[in-house]
Structures are given as C-alpha cells and as structure tokens.
C-alpha cells in the first residue's frame, strides 16, 4: 500500500487494489487565508472526516461522489476495513472544541491509525480498544491539538512501528502551531524523507519504532 502526505492532516491511502482513501481534507485558503496549501486534486473513492472543522472536513466538488465516513463505528469499504473511535478535541471532554474521531484503516495487512485533532492523552484502555497498529499519523503542533510532549506520550502508548508527524507549523500556515522539530527533540530513529509518498509492505516494516518525517506534497 501507499501513504501520501498531502498537507496539514490530510493523507491519501492507496491500497494494492487501487482503492483510494482520503483522510481529513482541508479547505484551500481556509480560515480566512490562514491555511494556504494547494487544493487536493487527486481522485478518491472514500473520505474520512475526523471532525467538522474546515481544515479537516472539506469535500471538494470533484469529490462529491466519494463515500464519506464521519461517524464512530465499524465499516467495510472495498478492500479496506475502517474503524472509528470516539475521542475529544480538547482536554475537557469536548467542552472547548468538540469531539474527534480516531480512524483506524486496515488494508493489505497493514493497520494505519489517524488521530485527527486529538486533544488529550490516551489511556492504556484506549490503546487496547484501538488495538495493534503499524503506522501512526500523529498531530504534534499543539494549539488546537496535542503538543509535542503529549504527542510523545500518545506515541509511546499506542506503540506503532512507524510514526508520521502531522498538523504542525509550515510556511503555508499563519497560525502559530509549533514546528515538527519541537517533537523530534531527543527522539531516536528519525528519518527525514525527501518525498511525500511511501510504499509499504507488512513484511518489511521495522521491528522497532521509527519516526518518518515526510514532505508535504501540497506546499
């Protein structure tokens, strides 16, 4: 399978059978121009939406025919199994920013977990409910989601094989998120890749945790 980091918290998953699942698409120039990534022009079959904010829920005109998953539950779509778990956008059970869905996608023997705009630590019980994961797509920029310290705790709780940071400061965002380097301080096994898309096979996944920093293709 392939994982492509589009920008912000948006990723495109492509299975070996060419099923294309888009997660958390952003609105180009959303929030009055504070989010200036290029539009997502790729064709997709399904879209997962973790919560109803414009930097995570934008359905473009050319994506109107895609299947939309924006609820907690268990779903089957083509050759993918999709699980949605309830969580919150803040540390006060959603009182400030609302609710959030953690999505787990299983395809081609690989399990990917996208945390959306998770706003709090996860307990051991949460991790047991989510189950074993291979790839973790982890917000690290703070402000409207977890910061580097909490993200590190969440990563250690979920124990992925590969962690890919997302939702952090870049030149295309005027909101004062923290940069990805704040999360990478003192981390081991960090790989800064010069591409936005990776191709994975379960048998070739690392045994010990690695952090892979991908380029954003829509910058």
N, C-alpha and C. Protein backbone atom coordinates (compact mmCIF):
# COMPACT_ATOMS: atom_id res chain seq x y z
N UNK A 1 0.83 -1.19 0.00
CA UNK A 1 0.00 0.00 0.00
C UNK A 1 0.88 1.25 0.00
N UNK A 2 0.24 2.38 -0.36
CA UNK A 2 0.96 3.64 -0.39
C UNK A 2 0.29 4.64 0.56
N UNK A 3 1.12 5.46 1.17
CA UNK A 3 0.65 6.57 2.01
C UNK A 3 1.27 7.85 1.48
N UNK A 4 0.42 8.82 1.17
CA UNK A 4 0.90 10.10 0.66
C UNK A 4 0.48 11.21 1.61
N UNK A 5 1.46 11.99 2.07
CA UNK A 5 1.19 13.14 2.93
C UNK A 5 0.89 14.33 2.03
N UNK A 6 -0.37 14.75 2.00
CA UNK A 6 -0.77 15.87 1.17
C UNK A 6 -0.36 17.19 1.84
N UNK A 7 -0.93 17.44 3.01
CA UNK A 7 -0.54 18.61 3.81
C UNK A 7 -1.39 18.65 5.07
N UNK A 8 -0.89 19.36 6.08
CA UNK A 8 -1.60 19.58 7.33
C UNK A 8 -1.92 18.24 7.99
N UNK A 9 -3.19 17.78 7.94
CA UNK A 9 -3.54 16.46 8.46
C UNK A 9 -4.13 15.58 7.38
N UNK A 10 -3.98 15.96 6.13
CA UNK A 10 -4.58 15.24 5.01
C UNK A 10 -3.61 14.21 4.43
N UNK A 11 -4.08 12.98 4.37
CA UNK A 11 -3.30 11.88 3.81
C UNK A 11 -4.14 11.11 2.80
N UNK A 12 -3.47 10.55 1.81
CA UNK A 12 -4.12 9.69 0.83
C UNK A 12 -3.55 8.29 0.95
N UNK A 13 -4.42 7.32 1.24
CA UNK A 13 -4.03 5.93 1.31
C UNK A 13 -4.46 5.23 0.02
N UNK A 14 -3.56 4.48 -0.58
CA UNK A 14 -3.87 3.75 -1.80
C UNK A 14 -3.52 2.29 -1.60
N UNK A 15 -4.51 1.42 -1.69
CA UNK A 15 -4.27 0.00 -1.46
C UNK A 15 -3.68 -0.65 -2.71
N UNK A 16 -3.24 -1.87 -2.54
CA UNK A 16 -2.68 -2.61 -3.68
C UNK A 16 -3.71 -2.81 -4.79
N UNK A 17 -5.00 -2.77 -4.45
CA UNK A 17 -6.07 -2.89 -5.44
C UNK A 17 -6.53 -1.52 -5.93
N UNK A 18 -5.79 -0.48 -5.59
CA UNK A 18 -6.01 0.89 -6.05
C UNK A 18 -7.24 1.55 -5.43
N UNK A 19 -7.66 1.09 -4.28
CA UNK A 19 -8.69 1.80 -3.53
C UNK A 19 -8.05 3.02 -2.87
N UNK A 20 -8.62 4.19 -3.09
CA UNK A 20 -8.02 5.44 -2.61
C UNK A 20 -8.88 6.05 -1.50
N UNK A 21 -8.29 6.17 -0.33
CA UNK A 21 -8.99 6.70 0.84
C UNK A 21 -8.29 7.99 1.27
N UNK A 22 -9.04 9.09 1.28
CA UNK A 22 -8.53 10.39 1.69
C UNK A 22 -8.96 10.65 3.14
N UNK A 23 -8.03 11.10 3.97
CA UNK A 23 -8.33 11.38 5.37
C UNK A 23 -8.16 12.87 5.66
N UNK A 24 -9.16 13.47 6.26
CA UNK A 24 -9.15 14.86 6.74
C UNK A 24 -8.69 15.89 5.71
N UNK A 25 -9.43 16.02 4.61
CA UNK A 25 -9.08 17.05 3.62
C UNK A 25 -9.36 18.46 4.15
N UNK A 26 -8.46 19.38 3.84
CA UNK A 26 -8.57 20.77 4.29
C UNK A 26 -9.20 21.64 3.20
N UNK A 27 -9.75 22.76 3.61
CA UNK A 27 -10.24 23.75 2.66
C UNK A 27 -9.09 24.65 2.24
N UNK A 28 -8.76 24.69 0.94
CA UNK A 28 -7.68 25.59 0.50
C UNK A 28 -8.01 27.04 0.86
N UNK A 29 -7.01 27.73 1.40
CA UNK A 29 -7.18 29.12 1.84
C UNK A 29 -8.28 29.23 2.90
N UNK A 30 -8.45 28.18 3.69
CA UNK A 30 -9.46 28.17 4.73
C UNK A 30 -9.10 29.08 5.89
N UNK A 31 -10.09 29.28 6.75
CA UNK A 31 -9.93 30.16 7.90
C UNK A 31 -9.36 31.52 7.49
N UNK A 32 -10.02 32.11 6.50
CA UNK A 32 -9.68 33.46 6.02
C UNK A 32 -8.23 33.54 5.54
N UNK A 33 -7.79 32.50 4.85
CA UNK A 33 -6.48 32.51 4.23
C UNK A 33 -5.33 32.11 5.12
N UNK A 34 -5.62 31.63 6.32
CA UNK A 34 -4.53 31.24 7.21
C UNK A 34 -3.94 29.87 6.85
N UNK A 35 -4.66 29.11 6.02
CA UNK A 35 -4.19 27.79 5.59
C UNK A 35 -4.03 27.83 4.08
N UNK A 36 -2.80 27.91 3.60
CA UNK A 36 -2.57 28.21 2.18
C UNK A 36 -1.95 27.06 1.40
N UNK A 37 -2.35 25.86 1.69
CA UNK A 37 -1.88 24.72 0.91
C UNK A 37 -2.66 24.64 -0.41
N UNK A 38 -2.06 24.00 -1.39
CA UNK A 38 -2.71 23.83 -2.69
C UNK A 38 -3.91 22.90 -2.57
N UNK A 39 -4.88 23.04 -3.49
CA UNK A 39 -6.06 22.16 -3.45
C UNK A 39 -5.68 20.69 -3.64
N UNK A 40 -6.49 19.83 -3.08
CA UNK A 40 -6.31 18.38 -3.24
C UNK A 40 -7.05 17.98 -4.51
N UNK A 41 -6.30 17.71 -5.57
CA UNK A 41 -6.92 17.42 -6.86
C UNK A 41 -6.96 15.94 -7.20
N UNK A 42 -6.40 15.09 -6.35
CA UNK A 42 -6.41 13.65 -6.61
C UNK A 42 -7.84 13.09 -6.55
N UNK A 43 -8.13 12.14 -7.40
CA UNK A 43 -9.42 11.44 -7.35
C UNK A 43 -9.38 10.42 -6.22
N UNK A 44 -10.49 10.30 -5.50
CA UNK A 44 -10.53 9.39 -4.36
C UNK A 44 -11.84 8.61 -4.37
N UNK A 45 -11.84 7.49 -3.66
CA UNK A 45 -13.03 6.65 -3.57
C UNK A 45 -13.80 6.86 -2.27
N UNK A 46 -13.08 7.18 -1.21
CA UNK A 46 -13.71 7.38 0.10
C UNK A 46 -12.98 8.50 0.84
N UNK A 47 -13.70 9.17 1.73
CA UNK A 47 -13.14 10.25 2.53
C UNK A 47 -13.51 10.02 3.99
N UNK A 48 -12.51 10.09 4.86
CA UNK A 48 -12.73 10.01 6.30
C UNK A 48 -12.60 11.40 6.89
N UNK A 49 -13.53 11.77 7.76
CA UNK A 49 -13.55 13.09 8.38
C UNK A 49 -13.56 12.91 9.89
N UNK A 50 -12.50 13.38 10.55
CA UNK A 50 -12.39 13.18 11.99
C UNK A 50 -13.28 14.12 12.79
N UNK A 51 -13.55 15.33 12.25
CA UNK A 51 -14.41 16.28 12.94
C UNK A 51 -14.75 17.41 11.97
N UNK A 52 -15.74 18.19 12.35
CA UNK A 52 -16.30 19.16 11.41
C UNK A 52 -15.68 20.55 11.55
N UNK A 53 -14.39 20.62 11.29
CA UNK A 53 -13.69 21.89 11.16
C UNK A 53 -13.12 21.97 9.74
N UNK A 54 -13.02 23.20 9.21
CA UNK A 54 -12.73 23.38 7.79
C UNK A 54 -11.36 22.87 7.36
N UNK A 55 -10.43 22.71 8.30
CA UNK A 55 -9.12 22.18 7.91
C UNK A 55 -9.08 20.65 7.98
N UNK A 56 -10.28 20.03 8.14
CA UNK A 56 -10.34 18.56 8.21
C UNK A 56 -11.54 17.97 7.48
N UNK A 57 -12.48 18.79 7.03
CA UNK A 57 -13.75 18.23 6.53
C UNK A 57 -14.16 18.72 5.15
N UNK A 58 -13.24 19.31 4.40
CA UNK A 58 -13.62 19.95 3.14
C UNK A 58 -13.83 18.92 2.03
N UNK A 59 -15.04 18.90 1.49
CA UNK A 59 -15.37 17.99 0.39
C UNK A 59 -15.43 18.81 -0.90
N UNK A 60 -14.41 18.68 -1.73
CA UNK A 60 -14.33 19.45 -2.98
C UNK A 60 -15.40 18.98 -3.97
N UNK A 61 -15.67 19.80 -4.95
CA UNK A 61 -16.70 19.46 -5.94
C UNK A 61 -16.39 18.16 -6.64
N UNK A 62 -15.11 17.92 -6.96
CA UNK A 62 -14.76 16.70 -7.67
C UNK A 62 -14.69 15.48 -6.76
N UNK A 63 -14.99 15.67 -5.46
CA UNK A 63 -15.04 14.55 -4.52
C UNK A 63 -16.47 14.23 -4.07
N UNK A 64 -17.45 14.84 -4.72
CA UNK A 64 -18.83 14.68 -4.27
C UNK A 64 -19.34 13.25 -4.37
N UNK A 65 -18.78 12.45 -5.26
CA UNK A 65 -19.25 11.07 -5.43
C UNK A 65 -18.55 10.09 -4.49
N UNK A 66 -17.58 10.55 -3.73
CA UNK A 66 -16.86 9.65 -2.83
C UNK A 66 -17.74 9.26 -1.64
N UNK A 67 -17.50 8.06 -1.12
CA UNK A 67 -18.17 7.64 0.11
C UNK A 67 -17.58 8.42 1.28
N UNK A 68 -18.43 8.92 2.15
CA UNK A 68 -18.00 9.74 3.28
C UNK A 68 -18.19 8.96 4.58
N UNK A 69 -17.14 8.91 5.39
CA UNK A 69 -17.21 8.28 6.70
C UNK A 69 -16.86 9.34 7.74
N UNK A 70 -17.82 9.72 8.56
CA UNK A 70 -17.61 10.76 9.57
C UNK A 70 -18.29 10.41 10.89
N UNK A 71 -18.41 9.09 11.13
CA UNK A 71 -19.07 8.62 12.34
C UNK A 71 -18.21 7.56 13.04
N UNK A 72 -18.44 7.42 14.33
CA UNK A 72 -17.84 6.31 15.08
C UNK A 72 -18.50 5.01 14.65
N UNK A 73 -17.72 3.94 14.53
CA UNK A 73 -18.28 2.65 14.16
C UNK A 73 -17.31 1.79 13.40
N UNK A 74 -17.82 0.70 12.87
CA UNK A 74 -17.01 -0.24 12.09
C UNK A 74 -17.62 -0.36 10.70
N UNK A 75 -16.78 -0.19 9.68
CA UNK A 75 -17.27 -0.13 8.31
C UNK A 75 -16.38 -0.96 7.39
N UNK A 76 -16.96 -1.44 6.30
CA UNK A 76 -16.21 -2.12 5.25
C UNK A 76 -16.34 -1.30 3.98
N UNK A 77 -15.22 -1.04 3.33
CA UNK A 77 -15.25 -0.32 2.05
C UNK A 77 -14.23 -0.94 1.11
N UNK A 78 -14.71 -1.53 0.03
CA UNK A 78 -13.85 -2.21 -0.93
C UNK A 78 -12.92 -3.18 -0.18
N UNK A 79 -11.60 -3.00 -0.29
CA UNK A 79 -10.67 -3.91 0.38
C UNK A 79 -10.12 -3.31 1.67
N UNK A 80 -10.85 -2.36 2.25
CA UNK A 80 -10.42 -1.72 3.48
C UNK A 80 -11.45 -1.91 4.59
N UNK A 81 -10.96 -2.12 5.80
CA UNK A 81 -11.80 -2.11 6.99
C UNK A 81 -11.53 -0.81 7.72
N UNK A 82 -12.59 -0.10 8.08
CA UNK A 82 -12.47 1.22 8.69
C UNK A 82 -13.11 1.18 10.07
N UNK A 83 -12.37 1.61 11.07
CA UNK A 83 -12.87 1.68 12.44
C UNK A 83 -12.79 3.12 12.93
N UNK A 84 -13.87 3.62 13.52
CA UNK A 84 -13.88 4.97 14.07
C UNK A 84 -14.10 4.92 15.57
N UNK A 85 -13.20 5.56 16.32
CA UNK A 85 -13.25 5.54 17.78
C UNK A 85 -13.50 6.94 18.33
N UNK A 86 -14.35 7.03 19.32
CA UNK A 86 -14.70 8.32 19.91
C UNK A 86 -13.55 8.88 20.74
N UNK A 87 -13.31 10.18 20.60
CA UNK A 87 -12.33 10.89 21.40
C UNK A 87 -12.74 12.36 21.43
N UNK A 88 -11.87 13.20 21.99
CA UNK A 88 -12.20 14.62 22.12
C UNK A 88 -11.11 15.50 21.53
N UNK A 89 -11.53 16.71 21.16
CA UNK A 89 -10.65 17.70 20.54
C UNK A 89 -9.89 18.52 21.59
N UNK A 90 -10.19 18.30 22.86
CA UNK A 90 -9.55 19.07 23.92
C UNK A 90 -9.47 18.21 25.19
N UNK A 91 -8.90 18.78 26.23
CA UNK A 91 -8.72 18.05 27.48
C UNK A 91 -9.92 18.16 28.42
N UNK A 92 -11.00 18.79 27.97
CA UNK A 92 -12.18 18.95 28.80
C UNK A 92 -13.39 18.24 28.19
N UNK A 93 -13.13 17.06 27.62
CA UNK A 93 -14.18 16.21 27.04
C UNK A 93 -15.03 16.96 26.02
N UNK A 94 -14.36 17.75 25.21
CA UNK A 94 -15.04 18.42 24.11
C UNK A 94 -15.73 19.73 24.45
N UNK A 95 -15.62 20.20 25.68
CA UNK A 95 -16.33 21.42 26.06
C UNK A 95 -15.80 22.65 25.33
N UNK A 96 -14.53 22.65 24.95
CA UNK A 96 -13.93 23.79 24.25
C UNK A 96 -14.04 23.66 22.73
N UNK A 97 -13.65 22.50 22.21
CA UNK A 97 -13.51 22.35 20.75
C UNK A 97 -14.34 21.22 20.15
N UNK A 98 -15.05 20.48 20.97
CA UNK A 98 -15.92 19.44 20.43
C UNK A 98 -15.30 18.06 20.44
N UNK A 99 -15.92 17.18 19.68
CA UNK A 99 -15.50 15.78 19.64
C UNK A 99 -14.58 15.51 18.46
N UNK A 100 -13.96 14.35 18.47
CA UNK A 100 -12.99 13.95 17.45
C UNK A 100 -13.09 12.45 17.24
N UNK A 101 -12.86 12.02 16.03
CA UNK A 101 -12.87 10.58 15.73
C UNK A 101 -11.46 10.13 15.39
N UNK A 102 -11.00 9.11 16.08
CA UNK A 102 -9.76 8.43 15.72
C UNK A 102 -10.11 7.35 14.71
N UNK A 103 -9.51 7.41 13.53
CA UNK A 103 -9.79 6.41 12.50
C UNK A 103 -8.64 5.41 12.39
N UNK A 104 -9.02 4.14 12.30
CA UNK A 104 -8.08 3.07 12.02
C UNK A 104 -8.49 2.42 10.71
N UNK A 105 -7.56 2.33 9.78
CA UNK A 105 -7.81 1.73 8.47
C UNK A 105 -6.91 0.50 8.32
N UNK A 106 -7.53 -0.62 7.98
CA UNK A 106 -6.79 -1.86 7.79
C UNK A 106 -6.92 -2.30 6.34
N UNK A 107 -5.80 -2.41 5.65
CA UNK A 107 -5.78 -2.88 4.28
C UNK A 107 -4.40 -3.42 3.94
N UNK A 108 -4.34 -4.41 3.08
CA UNK A 108 -3.06 -5.00 2.66
C UNK A 108 -2.23 -5.47 3.85
N UNK A 109 -2.92 -5.97 4.89
CA UNK A 109 -2.27 -6.49 6.11
C UNK A 109 -1.60 -5.40 6.95
N UNK A 110 -1.81 -4.14 6.63
CA UNK A 110 -1.22 -3.02 7.37
C UNK A 110 -2.32 -2.23 8.05
N UNK A 111 -2.07 -1.80 9.29
CA UNK A 111 -3.05 -1.05 10.08
C UNK A 111 -2.54 0.37 10.31
N UNK A 112 -3.31 1.34 9.84
CA UNK A 112 -2.94 2.76 9.94
C UNK A 112 -3.90 3.44 10.90
N UNK A 113 -3.36 4.24 11.80
CA UNK A 113 -4.18 5.00 12.76
C UNK A 113 -3.97 6.48 12.53
N UNK A 114 -5.06 7.21 12.27
CA UNK A 114 -5.03 8.66 12.08
C UNK A 114 -5.77 9.28 13.26
N UNK A 115 -5.11 10.13 14.01
CA UNK A 115 -5.67 10.64 15.25
C UNK A 115 -6.52 11.89 15.09
N UNK A 116 -6.65 12.40 13.86
CA UNK A 116 -7.43 13.62 13.68
C UNK A 116 -6.84 14.75 14.52
N UNK A 117 -7.73 15.50 15.17
CA UNK A 117 -7.28 16.58 16.07
C UNK A 117 -7.44 16.12 17.51
N UNK A 118 -6.84 15.02 17.84
CA UNK A 118 -6.88 14.54 19.22
C UNK A 118 -6.37 15.63 20.16
N UNK A 119 -7.08 15.83 21.27
CA UNK A 119 -6.70 16.91 22.17
C UNK A 119 -6.32 16.47 23.57
N UNK A 120 -6.03 15.18 23.76
CA UNK A 120 -5.75 14.69 25.11
C UNK A 120 -4.92 13.40 25.04
N UNK A 121 -4.38 13.02 26.18
CA UNK A 121 -3.66 11.75 26.26
C UNK A 121 -4.61 10.57 26.07
N UNK A 122 -4.05 9.44 25.71
CA UNK A 122 -4.82 8.20 25.62
C UNK A 122 -4.42 7.28 26.76
N UNK A 123 -5.38 6.61 27.32
CA UNK A 123 -5.11 5.67 28.40
C UNK A 123 -4.72 4.31 27.84
N UNK A 124 -4.25 3.45 28.70
CA UNK A 124 -3.96 2.07 28.29
C UNK A 124 -5.23 1.40 27.78
N UNK A 125 -6.36 1.69 28.43
CA UNK A 125 -7.64 1.14 27.98
C UNK A 125 -7.99 1.62 26.58
N UNK A 126 -7.72 2.90 26.29
CA UNK A 126 -7.94 3.43 24.93
C UNK A 126 -7.10 2.66 23.92
N UNK A 127 -5.83 2.44 24.27
CA UNK A 127 -4.91 1.74 23.37
C UNK A 127 -5.37 0.31 23.12
N UNK A 128 -5.87 -0.34 24.15
CA UNK A 128 -6.36 -1.71 23.99
C UNK A 128 -7.59 -1.75 23.09
N UNK A 129 -8.44 -0.73 23.20
CA UNK A 129 -9.63 -0.66 22.34
C UNK A 129 -9.23 -0.44 20.89
N UNK A 130 -8.28 0.45 20.66
CA UNK A 130 -7.81 0.72 19.30
C UNK A 130 -7.09 -0.49 18.72
N UNK A 131 -6.32 -1.18 19.55
CA UNK A 131 -5.63 -2.40 19.11
C UNK A 131 -4.25 -2.12 18.55
N UNK A 132 -3.62 -3.16 18.06
CA UNK A 132 -2.28 -3.04 17.49
C UNK A 132 -2.31 -2.24 16.20
N UNK A 133 -1.38 -1.31 16.06
CA UNK A 133 -1.29 -0.52 14.84
C UNK A 133 0.14 -0.56 14.31
N UNK A 134 0.25 -0.40 13.02
CA UNK A 134 1.57 -0.38 12.38
C UNK A 134 2.05 1.04 12.11
N UNK A 135 1.15 1.89 11.60
CA UNK A 135 1.50 3.25 11.22
C UNK A 135 0.64 4.23 12.00
N UNK A 136 1.27 5.20 12.64
CA UNK A 136 0.55 6.22 13.40
C UNK A 136 0.73 7.58 12.75
N UNK A 137 -0.37 8.22 12.39
CA UNK A 137 -0.37 9.57 11.84
C UNK A 137 -0.74 10.50 13.00
N UNK A 138 0.27 11.25 13.48
CA UNK A 138 0.22 11.86 14.81
C UNK A 138 0.30 13.39 14.76
N UNK A 139 -0.74 14.10 15.25
CA UNK A 139 -0.63 15.57 15.35
C UNK A 139 0.37 15.95 16.44
N UNK A 140 1.21 16.95 16.16
CA UNK A 140 2.27 17.31 17.11
C UNK A 140 2.39 18.81 17.36
N UNK A 141 1.61 19.63 16.66
CA UNK A 141 1.85 21.07 16.65
C UNK A 141 1.23 21.88 17.76
N UNK A 142 0.41 21.23 18.63
CA UNK A 142 -0.19 21.96 19.72
C UNK A 142 -1.24 22.96 19.27
N UNK A 143 -1.58 23.89 20.13
CA UNK A 143 -2.55 24.96 19.93
C UNK A 143 -3.97 24.42 19.88
N UNK A 144 -4.37 23.75 18.79
CA UNK A 144 -5.72 23.19 18.70
C UNK A 144 -5.72 21.67 18.83
N UNK A 145 -4.59 21.10 19.09
CA UNK A 145 -4.48 19.65 19.27
C UNK A 145 -3.32 19.40 20.23
N UNK A 146 -2.88 18.16 20.36
CA UNK A 146 -1.85 17.84 21.34
C UNK A 146 -0.50 18.43 20.96
N UNK A 147 0.27 18.80 21.98
CA UNK A 147 1.60 19.35 21.74
C UNK A 147 2.65 18.24 21.71
N UNK A 148 3.89 18.61 21.56
CA UNK A 148 4.97 17.62 21.41
C UNK A 148 5.06 16.67 22.59
N UNK A 149 4.89 17.20 23.78
CA UNK A 149 5.01 16.37 24.98
C UNK A 149 3.90 15.33 25.05
N UNK A 150 2.67 15.77 24.83
CA UNK A 150 1.53 14.84 24.88
C UNK A 150 1.59 13.88 23.69
N UNK A 151 2.00 14.37 22.53
CA UNK A 151 2.13 13.51 21.36
C UNK A 151 3.13 12.38 21.61
N UNK A 152 4.21 12.71 22.29
CA UNK A 152 5.19 11.68 22.63
C UNK A 152 4.57 10.63 23.53
N UNK A 153 3.79 11.05 24.51
CA UNK A 153 3.10 10.12 25.40
C UNK A 153 2.13 9.24 24.62
N UNK A 154 1.37 9.83 23.71
CA UNK A 154 0.41 9.07 22.90
C UNK A 154 1.13 8.05 22.03
N UNK A 155 2.23 8.46 21.42
CA UNK A 155 3.01 7.55 20.59
C UNK A 155 3.51 6.36 21.41
N UNK A 156 4.00 6.63 22.59
CA UNK A 156 4.51 5.55 23.44
C UNK A 156 3.37 4.64 23.92
N UNK A 157 2.19 5.18 24.07
CA UNK A 157 1.04 4.39 24.50
C UNK A 157 0.56 3.46 23.38
N UNK A 158 0.53 3.97 22.14
CA UNK A 158 -0.01 3.18 21.02
C UNK A 158 1.03 2.23 20.40
N UNK A 159 2.30 2.53 20.57
CA UNK A 159 3.39 1.63 20.16
C UNK A 159 3.34 1.24 18.67
N UNK A 160 3.35 2.21 17.76
CA UNK A 160 3.38 1.87 16.34
C UNK A 160 4.78 1.42 15.91
N UNK A 161 4.86 0.88 14.70
CA UNK A 161 6.17 0.58 14.10
C UNK A 161 6.75 1.83 13.44
N UNK A 162 5.87 2.61 12.82
CA UNK A 162 6.27 3.86 12.17
C UNK A 162 5.34 4.97 12.63
N UNK A 163 5.89 6.10 13.02
CA UNK A 163 5.10 7.29 13.38
C UNK A 163 5.40 8.39 12.37
N UNK A 164 4.35 8.97 11.79
CA UNK A 164 4.49 10.07 10.84
C UNK A 164 3.85 11.32 11.45
N UNK A 165 4.64 12.34 11.79
CA UNK A 165 4.08 13.57 12.38
C UNK A 165 3.24 14.35 11.35
N UNK A 166 2.24 15.06 11.86
CA UNK A 166 1.38 15.90 11.02
C UNK A 166 0.90 17.08 11.86
N UNK A 167 0.17 18.00 11.21
CA UNK A 167 -0.51 19.10 11.89
C UNK A 167 0.49 19.95 12.69
N UNK A 168 1.47 20.50 11.96
CA UNK A 168 2.49 21.33 12.59
C UNK A 168 2.74 22.57 11.74
N UNK A 169 3.56 23.46 12.23
CA UNK A 169 3.83 24.73 11.56
C UNK A 169 4.57 24.54 10.23
N UNK A 170 4.18 25.31 9.23
CA UNK A 170 4.92 25.37 7.97
C UNK A 170 4.79 26.78 7.42
N UNK A 171 5.48 27.05 6.33
CA UNK A 171 5.43 28.38 5.72
C UNK A 171 4.05 28.69 5.14
N UNK A 172 3.24 27.68 4.95
CA UNK A 172 1.91 27.87 4.36
C UNK A 172 0.82 28.10 5.40
N UNK A 173 1.19 28.12 6.67
CA UNK A 173 0.22 28.31 7.75
C UNK A 173 0.61 29.54 8.56
N UNK A 174 -0.33 30.46 8.74
CA UNK A 174 -0.03 31.64 9.55
C UNK A 174 -0.43 31.46 11.02
N UNK A 175 -1.15 30.37 11.31
CA UNK A 175 -1.47 30.04 12.70
C UNK A 175 -0.19 29.57 13.39
N UNK A 176 -0.03 29.91 14.66
CA UNK A 176 1.22 29.63 15.35
C UNK A 176 1.27 28.22 15.97
N UNK A 177 1.20 27.22 15.10
CA UNK A 177 1.49 25.86 15.56
C UNK A 177 2.99 25.76 15.85
N UNK A 178 3.36 24.77 16.63
CA UNK A 178 4.78 24.50 16.85
C UNK A 178 5.35 23.75 15.65
N UNK A 179 6.63 23.93 15.35
CA UNK A 179 7.25 23.20 14.24
C UNK A 179 7.46 21.74 14.61
N UNK A 180 7.63 20.92 13.60
CA UNK A 180 7.83 19.49 13.83
C UNK A 180 9.10 19.22 14.62
N UNK A 181 10.09 20.10 14.50
CA UNK A 181 11.35 19.89 15.21
C UNK A 181 11.16 19.87 16.73
N UNK A 182 10.14 20.55 17.24
CA UNK A 182 9.89 20.51 18.68
C UNK A 182 9.56 19.09 19.13
N UNK A 183 8.86 18.36 18.29
CA UNK A 183 8.52 16.98 18.60
C UNK A 183 9.72 16.05 18.45
N UNK A 184 10.62 16.38 17.55
CA UNK A 184 11.73 15.48 17.22
C UNK A 184 12.90 15.57 18.21
N UNK A 185 12.87 16.57 19.09
CA UNK A 185 13.97 16.74 20.04
C UNK A 185 14.15 15.46 20.88
N UNK A 186 15.38 14.97 20.92
CA UNK A 186 15.75 13.80 21.72
C UNK A 186 15.13 12.49 21.23
N UNK A 187 14.49 12.50 20.07
CA UNK A 187 13.91 11.27 19.55
C UNK A 187 14.97 10.47 18.81
N UNK A 188 14.87 9.17 18.90
CA UNK A 188 15.77 8.27 18.19
C UNK A 188 15.10 7.75 16.91
N UNK A 189 15.91 7.22 16.02
CA UNK A 189 15.42 6.57 14.79
C UNK A 189 14.51 7.50 13.99
N UNK A 190 14.97 8.74 13.80
CA UNK A 190 14.22 9.70 12.99
C UNK A 190 14.75 9.68 11.56
N UNK A 191 13.84 9.57 10.60
CA UNK A 191 14.20 9.60 9.19
C UNK A 191 13.49 10.77 8.53
N UNK A 192 14.25 11.70 7.97
CA UNK A 192 13.68 12.82 7.22
C UNK A 192 13.70 12.46 5.75
N UNK A 193 12.56 12.11 5.21
CA UNK A 193 12.48 11.63 3.83
C UNK A 193 12.25 12.81 2.89
N UNK A 194 12.78 12.70 1.71
CA UNK A 194 12.66 13.76 0.71
C UNK A 194 11.54 13.49 -0.27
N UNK A 195 10.54 12.76 0.19
CA UNK A 195 9.38 12.51 -0.65
C UNK A 195 8.11 12.58 0.21
N UNK A 196 6.98 12.75 -0.47
CA UNK A 196 5.70 12.84 0.22
C UNK A 196 4.97 11.50 0.26
N UNK A 197 5.37 10.58 -0.61
CA UNK A 197 4.66 9.30 -0.69
C UNK A 197 5.62 8.14 -0.41
N UNK A 198 5.13 7.18 0.38
CA UNK A 198 5.90 5.97 0.68
C UNK A 198 5.09 4.75 0.30
N UNK A 199 5.77 3.70 -0.06
CA UNK A 199 5.12 2.42 -0.36
C UNK A 199 5.58 1.40 0.68
N UNK A 200 4.62 0.70 1.26
CA UNK A 200 4.90 -0.18 2.39
C UNK A 200 4.44 -1.60 2.13
N UNK A 201 5.19 -2.55 2.68
CA UNK A 201 4.79 -3.95 2.73
C UNK A 201 4.91 -4.41 4.18
N UNK A 202 3.95 -5.17 4.65
CA UNK A 202 3.94 -5.55 6.06
C UNK A 202 5.23 -6.25 6.46
N UNK A 203 5.71 -7.14 5.61
CA UNK A 203 6.89 -7.93 5.95
C UNK A 203 8.15 -7.07 6.08
N UNK A 204 8.13 -5.87 5.51
CA UNK A 204 9.32 -5.01 5.53
C UNK A 204 9.21 -3.86 6.54
N UNK A 205 8.17 -3.86 7.37
CA UNK A 205 8.04 -2.82 8.37
C UNK A 205 9.11 -3.01 9.45
N UNK A 206 9.59 -1.92 10.05
CA UNK A 206 10.62 -2.04 11.09
C UNK A 206 10.08 -2.73 12.33
N UNK A 207 10.97 -3.39 13.07
CA UNK A 207 10.56 -4.05 14.31
C UNK A 207 10.51 -3.06 15.47
N UNK A 208 11.40 -2.08 15.45
CA UNK A 208 11.42 -1.05 16.49
C UNK A 208 10.90 0.26 15.92
N UNK A 209 10.34 1.09 16.79
CA UNK A 209 9.73 2.35 16.37
C UNK A 209 10.70 3.22 15.56
N UNK A 210 10.20 3.72 14.43
CA UNK A 210 10.91 4.73 13.64
C UNK A 210 9.96 5.90 13.40
N UNK A 211 10.50 7.11 13.40
CA UNK A 211 9.72 8.31 13.09
C UNK A 211 10.11 8.78 11.69
N UNK A 212 9.15 8.83 10.80
CA UNK A 212 9.40 9.23 9.42
C UNK A 212 8.76 10.59 9.18
N UNK A 213 9.57 11.58 8.82
CA UNK A 213 9.08 12.91 8.50
C UNK A 213 8.97 13.01 6.99
N UNK A 214 7.73 13.12 6.50
CA UNK A 214 7.50 13.20 5.06
C UNK A 214 7.38 14.65 4.61
N UNK A 215 7.69 14.92 3.35
CA UNK A 215 7.43 16.22 2.76
C UNK A 215 5.93 16.34 2.50
N UNK A 216 5.42 17.54 2.54
CA UNK A 216 4.02 17.77 2.23
C UNK A 216 3.91 18.10 0.73
N UNK A 217 3.12 17.32 0.01
CA UNK A 217 3.09 17.46 -1.44
C UNK A 217 2.36 18.72 -1.90
N UNK A 218 1.54 19.30 -1.04
CA UNK A 218 0.72 20.46 -1.45
C UNK A 218 1.29 21.79 -0.97
N UNK A 219 2.53 21.82 -0.53
CA UNK A 219 3.14 23.09 -0.14
C UNK A 219 3.45 23.95 -1.35
